[in-house]
PDB file of N, CA and C in Angstrom:
ATOM      1  N   GLU A   1       8.655   1.879   4.411  1.00  0.00           N
ATOM      2  CA  GLU A   1       7.289   2.272   4.709  1.00  0.00           C
ATOM      3  C   GLU A   1       6.303   1.209   4.242  1.00  0.00           C
ATOM      4  N   ASP A   2       6.529   0.650   3.077  1.00  0.00           N
ATOM      5  CA  ASP A   2       5.626  -0.385   2.564  1.00  0.00           C
ATOM      6  C   ASP A   2       5.641  -1.613   3.466  1.00  0.00           C
ATOM      7  N   GLY A   3       6.812  -1.932   3.999  1.00  0.00           N
ATOM      8  CA  GLY A   3       6.933  -3.092   4.878  1.00  0.00           C
ATOM      9  C   GLY A   3       6.168  -2.922   6.176  1.00  0.00           C
ATOM     10  N   PHE A   4       6.162  -1.707   6.708  1.00  0.00           N
ATOM     11  CA  PHE A   4       5.424  -1.431   7.939  1.00  0.00           C
ATOM     12  C   PHE A   4       3.935  -1.675   7.691  1.00  0.00           C
ATOM     13  N   LYS A   5       3.418  -1.092   6.621  1.00  0.00           N
ATOM     14  CA  LYS A   5       1.993  -1.235   6.298  1.00  0.00           C
ATOM     15  C   LYS A   5       1.654  -2.697   6.023  1.00  0.00           C
ATOM     16  N   TYR A   6       2.502  -3.392   5.274  1.00  0.00           N
ATOM     17  CA  TYR A   6       2.279  -4.803   4.951  1.00  0.00           C
ATOM     18  C   TYR A   6       2.185  -5.630   6.233  1.00  0.00           C
ATOM     19  N   ALA A   7       3.097  -5.394   7.162  1.00  0.00           N
ATOM     20  CA  ALA A   7       3.109  -6.171   8.403  1.00  0.00           C
ATOM     21  C   ALA A   7       1.823  -5.970   9.198  1.00  0.00           C
ATOM     22  N   PHE A   8       1.408  -4.725   9.363  1.00  0.00           N
ATOM     23  CA  PHE A   8       0.206  -4.452  10.150  1.00  0.00           C
ATOM     24  C   PHE A   8      -1.061  -4.925   9.448  1.00  0.00           C
ATOM     25  N   GLU A   9      -1.112  -4.808   8.138  1.00  0.00           N
ATOM     26  CA  GLU A   9      -2.297  -5.268   7.406  1.00  0.00           C
ATOM     27  C   GLU A   9      -2.421  -6.787   7.407  1.00  0.00           C
ATOM     28  N   ASN A  10      -1.317  -7.480   7.584  1.00  0.00           N
ATOM     29  CA  ASN A  10      -1.340  -8.936   7.551  1.00  0.00           C
ATOM     30  C   ASN A  10      -1.283  -9.569   8.931  1.00  0.00           C
ATOM     31  N   GLY A  11      -1.647  -8.787   9.955  1.00  0.00           N
ATOM     32  CA  GLY A  11      -1.866  -9.372  11.270  1.00  0.00           C
ATOM     33  C   GLY A  11      -0.849  -9.092  12.346  1.00  0.00           C
ATOM     34  N   ALA A  12       0.235  -8.427  12.048  1.00  0.00           N
ATOM     35  CA  ALA A  12       1.224  -8.150  13.090  1.00  0.00           C
ATOM     36  C   ALA A  12       0.679  -7.122  14.077  1.00  0.00           C
ATOM     37  N   ASP A  13       0.879  -7.371  15.369  1.00  0.00           N
ATOM     38  CA  ASP A  13       0.545  -6.389  16.392  1.00  0.00           C
ATOM     39  C   ASP A  13       1.770  -5.543  16.726  1.00  0.00           C
ATOM     40  N   PHE A  14       2.940  -6.103  16.500  1.00  0.00           N
ATOM     41  CA  PHE A  14       4.208  -5.422  16.743  1.00  0.00           C
ATOM     42  C   PHE A  14       5.113  -5.640  15.538  1.00  0.00           C
ATOM     43  N   ILE A  15       6.032  -4.717  15.315  1.00  0.00           N
ATOM     44  CA  ILE A  15       7.090  -4.932  14.332  1.00  0.00           C
ATOM     45  C   ILE A  15       8.411  -4.535  14.977  1.00  0.00           C
ATOM     46  N   CYS A  16       9.455  -5.207  14.598  1.00  0.00           N
ATOM     47  CA  CYS A  16      10.793  -4.905  15.095  1.00  0.00           C
ATOM     48  C   CYS A  16      11.567  -4.281  13.941  1.00  0.00           C
ATOM     49  N   VAL A  17      11.973  -3.041  14.119  1.00  0.00           N
ATOM     50  CA  VAL A  17      12.667  -2.319  13.059  1.00  0.00           C
ATOM     51  C   VAL A  17      13.966  -1.752  13.603  1.00  0.00           C
ATOM     52  N   GLY A  18      14.808  -1.214  12.728  1.00  0.00           N
ATOM     53  CA  GLY A  18      16.093  -0.662  13.135  1.00  0.00           C
ATOM     54  C   GLY A  18      15.959   0.332  14.268  1.00  0.00           C
ATOM     55  N   MET A  19      16.775   0.177  15.281  1.00  0.00           N
ATOM     56  CA  MET A  19      16.663   1.052  16.442  1.00  0.00           C
ATOM     57  C   MET A  19      17.988   1.737  16.790  1.00  0.00           C
ATOM     58  N   PHE A  20      18.786   2.021  15.771  1.00  0.00           N
ATOM     59  CA  PHE A  20      19.928   2.881  16.036  1.00  0.00           C
ATOM     60  C   PHE A  20      19.388   4.252  16.394  1.00  0.00           C
ATOM     61  N   ASP A  21      20.147   5.035  17.125  1.00  0.00           N
ATOM     62  CA  ASP A  21      19.643   6.323  17.606  1.00  0.00           C
ATOM     63  C   ASP A  21      19.153   7.228  16.480  1.00  0.00           C
ATOM     64  N   PHE A  22      19.757   7.144  15.308  1.00  0.00           N
ATOM     65  CA  PHE A  22      19.344   7.999  14.194  1.00  0.00           C
ATOM     66  C   PHE A  22      18.120   7.452  13.460  1.00  0.00           C
ATOM     67  N   GLN A  23      17.655   6.258  13.813  1.00  0.00           N
ATOM     68  CA  GLN A  23      16.499   5.647  13.154  1.00  0.00           C
ATOM     69  C   GLN A  23      15.210   5.760  13.964  1.00  0.00           C
ATOM     70  N   VAL A  24      15.301   6.033  15.246  1.00  0.00           N
ATOM     71  CA  VAL A  24      14.128   5.978  16.120  1.00  0.00           C
ATOM     72  C   VAL A  24      13.055   6.978  15.708  1.00  0.00           C
ATOM     73  N   ILE A  25      13.413   8.240  15.539  1.00  0.00           N
ATOM     74  CA  ILE A  25      12.417   9.264  15.204  1.00  0.00           C
ATOM     75  C   ILE A  25      11.792   9.020  13.831  1.00  0.00           C
ATOM     76  N   PRO A  26      12.587   8.786  12.773  1.00  0.00           N
ATOM     77  CA  PRO A  26      11.949   8.513  11.475  1.00  0.00           C
ATOM     78  C   PRO A  26      11.040   7.276  11.505  1.00  0.00           C
ATOM     79  N   ASN A  27      11.468   6.209  12.181  1.00  0.00           N
ATOM     80  CA  ASN A  27      10.641   5.000  12.253  1.00  0.00           C
ATOM     81  C   ASN A  27       9.366   5.241  13.047  1.00  0.00           C
ATOM     82  N   ALA A  28       9.458   6.007  14.126  1.00  0.00           N
ATOM     83  CA  ALA A  28       8.263   6.337  14.910  1.00  0.00           C
ATOM     84  C   ALA A  28       7.288   7.161  14.073  1.00  0.00           C
ATOM     85  N   ASN A  29       7.806   8.073  13.272  1.00  0.00           N
ATOM     86  CA  ASN A  29       6.942   8.880  12.405  1.00  0.00           C
ATOM     87  C   ASN A  29       6.259   8.023  11.342  1.00  0.00           C
ATOM     88  N   ILE A  30       6.993   7.064  10.780  1.00  0.00           N
ATOM     89  CA  ILE A  30       6.407   6.167   9.774  1.00  0.00           C
ATOM     90  C   ILE A  30       5.299   5.328  10.406  1.00  0.00           C
ATOM     91  N   VAL A  31       5.563   4.756  11.584  1.00  0.00           N
ATOM     92  CA  VAL A  31       4.556   3.933  12.259  1.00  0.00           C
ATOM     93  C   VAL A  31       3.316   4.753  12.583  1.00  0.00           C
ATOM     94  N   THR A  32       3.508   5.973  13.051  1.00  0.00           N
ATOM     95  CA  THR A  32       2.368   6.842  13.361  1.00  0.00           C
ATOM     96  C   THR A  32       1.535   7.097  12.117  1.00  0.00           C
ATOM     97  N   ASP A  33       2.195   7.395  11.008  1.00  0.00           N
ATOM     98  CA  ASP A  33       1.470   7.635   9.753  1.00  0.00           C
ATOM     99  C   ASP A  33       0.720   6.385   9.289  1.00  0.00           C
ATOM    100  N   VAL A  34       1.379   5.235   9.370  1.00  0.00           N
ATOM    101  CA  VAL A  34       0.754   3.984   8.921  1.00  0.00           C
ATOM    102  C   VAL A  34      -0.449   3.636   9.794  1.00  0.00           C
ATOM    103  N   LEU A  35      -0.298   3.755  11.110  1.00  0.00           N
ATOM    104  CA  LEU A  35      -1.404   3.396  12.002  1.00  0.00           C
ATOM    105  C   LEU A  35      -2.562   4.379  11.920  1.00  0.00           C
ATOM    106  N   ASN A  36      -2.285   5.608  11.533  1.00  0.00           N
ATOM    107  CA  ASN A  36      -3.352   6.596  11.361  1.00  0.00           C
ATOM    108  C   ASN A  36      -4.013   6.515   9.988  1.00  0.00           C
ATOM    109  N   SER A  37      -3.410   5.745   9.074  1.00  0.00           N
ATOM    110  CA  SER A  37      -4.002   5.586   7.745  1.00  0.00           C
ATOM    111  C   SER A  37      -5.067   4.492   7.797  1.00  0.00           C
ATOM    112  N   LYS A  38      -5.763   4.326   6.708  1.00  0.00           N
ATOM    113  CA  LYS A  38      -6.798   3.286   6.647  1.00  0.00           C
ATOM    114  C   LYS A  38      -6.132   1.952   6.333  1.00  0.00           C
ATOM    115  N   LEU A  39      -6.026   1.097   7.341  1.00  0.00           N
ATOM    116  CA  LEU A  39      -5.445  -0.221   7.160  1.00  0.00           C
ATOM    117  C   LEU A  39      -6.544  -1.221   6.828  1.00  0.00           C
ATOM    118  N   VAL A  40      -6.265  -2.097   5.882  1.00  0.00           N
ATOM    119  CA  VAL A  40      -7.178  -3.194   5.553  1.00  0.00           C
ATOM    120  C   VAL A  40      -6.676  -4.397   6.338  1.00  0.00           C
ATOM    121  N   ARG A  41      -7.294  -4.623   7.485  1.00  0.00           N
ATOM    122  CA  ARG A  41      -6.806  -5.634   8.417  1.00  0.00           C
ATOM    123  C   ARG A  41      -7.954  -6.559   8.804  1.00  0.00           C
ATOM    124  N   GLU A  42      -7.804  -7.859   8.553  1.00  0.00           N
ATOM    125  CA  GLU A  42      -8.837  -8.828   8.915  1.00  0.00           C
ATOM    126  C   GLU A  42      -8.701  -9.279  10.362  1.00  0.00           C
ATOM    127  N   ARG A  43      -7.489  -9.445  10.824  1.00  0.00           N
ATOM    128  CA  ARG A  43      -7.247  -9.935  12.181  1.00  0.00           C
ATOM    129  C   ARG A  43      -7.447  -8.801  13.183  1.00  0.00           C
ATOM    130  N   SER A  44      -8.098  -9.106  14.297  1.00  0.00           N
ATOM    131  CA  SER A  44      -8.286  -8.112  15.349  1.00  0.00           C
ATOM    132  C   SER A  44      -6.961  -7.808  16.039  1.00  0.00           C
ATOM    133  N   TRP A  45      -6.883  -6.634  16.631  1.00  0.00           N
ATOM    134  CA  TRP A  45      -5.703  -6.264  17.415  1.00  0.00           C
ATOM    135  C   TRP A  45      -5.757  -7.011  18.744  1.00  0.00           C
ATOM    136  N   PHE A  46      -4.655  -7.626  19.125  1.00  0.00           N
ATOM    137  CA  PHE A  46      -4.598  -8.361  20.381  1.00  0.00           C
ATOM    138  C   PHE A  46      -3.625  -7.748  21.370  1.00  0.00           C
ATOM    139  N   ALA A  47      -2.915  -6.747  20.988  1.00  0.00           N
ATOM    140  CA  ALA A  47      -1.938  -6.139  21.894  1.00  0.00           C
ATOM    141  C   ALA A  47      -2.349  -4.735  22.259  1.00  0.00           C
TER     142      ALA A  47
END
């Protein structure tokens, strides 16, 4: 979870994470939570 937030706060528009069938739902939930939280992001979104 910390890595997801770190990536988005430091300019990533996309992240590549584990995509085994048992990882998709938990990872999607983490990304949703991170993107809905208050991110401290200097770089604009380009994607």
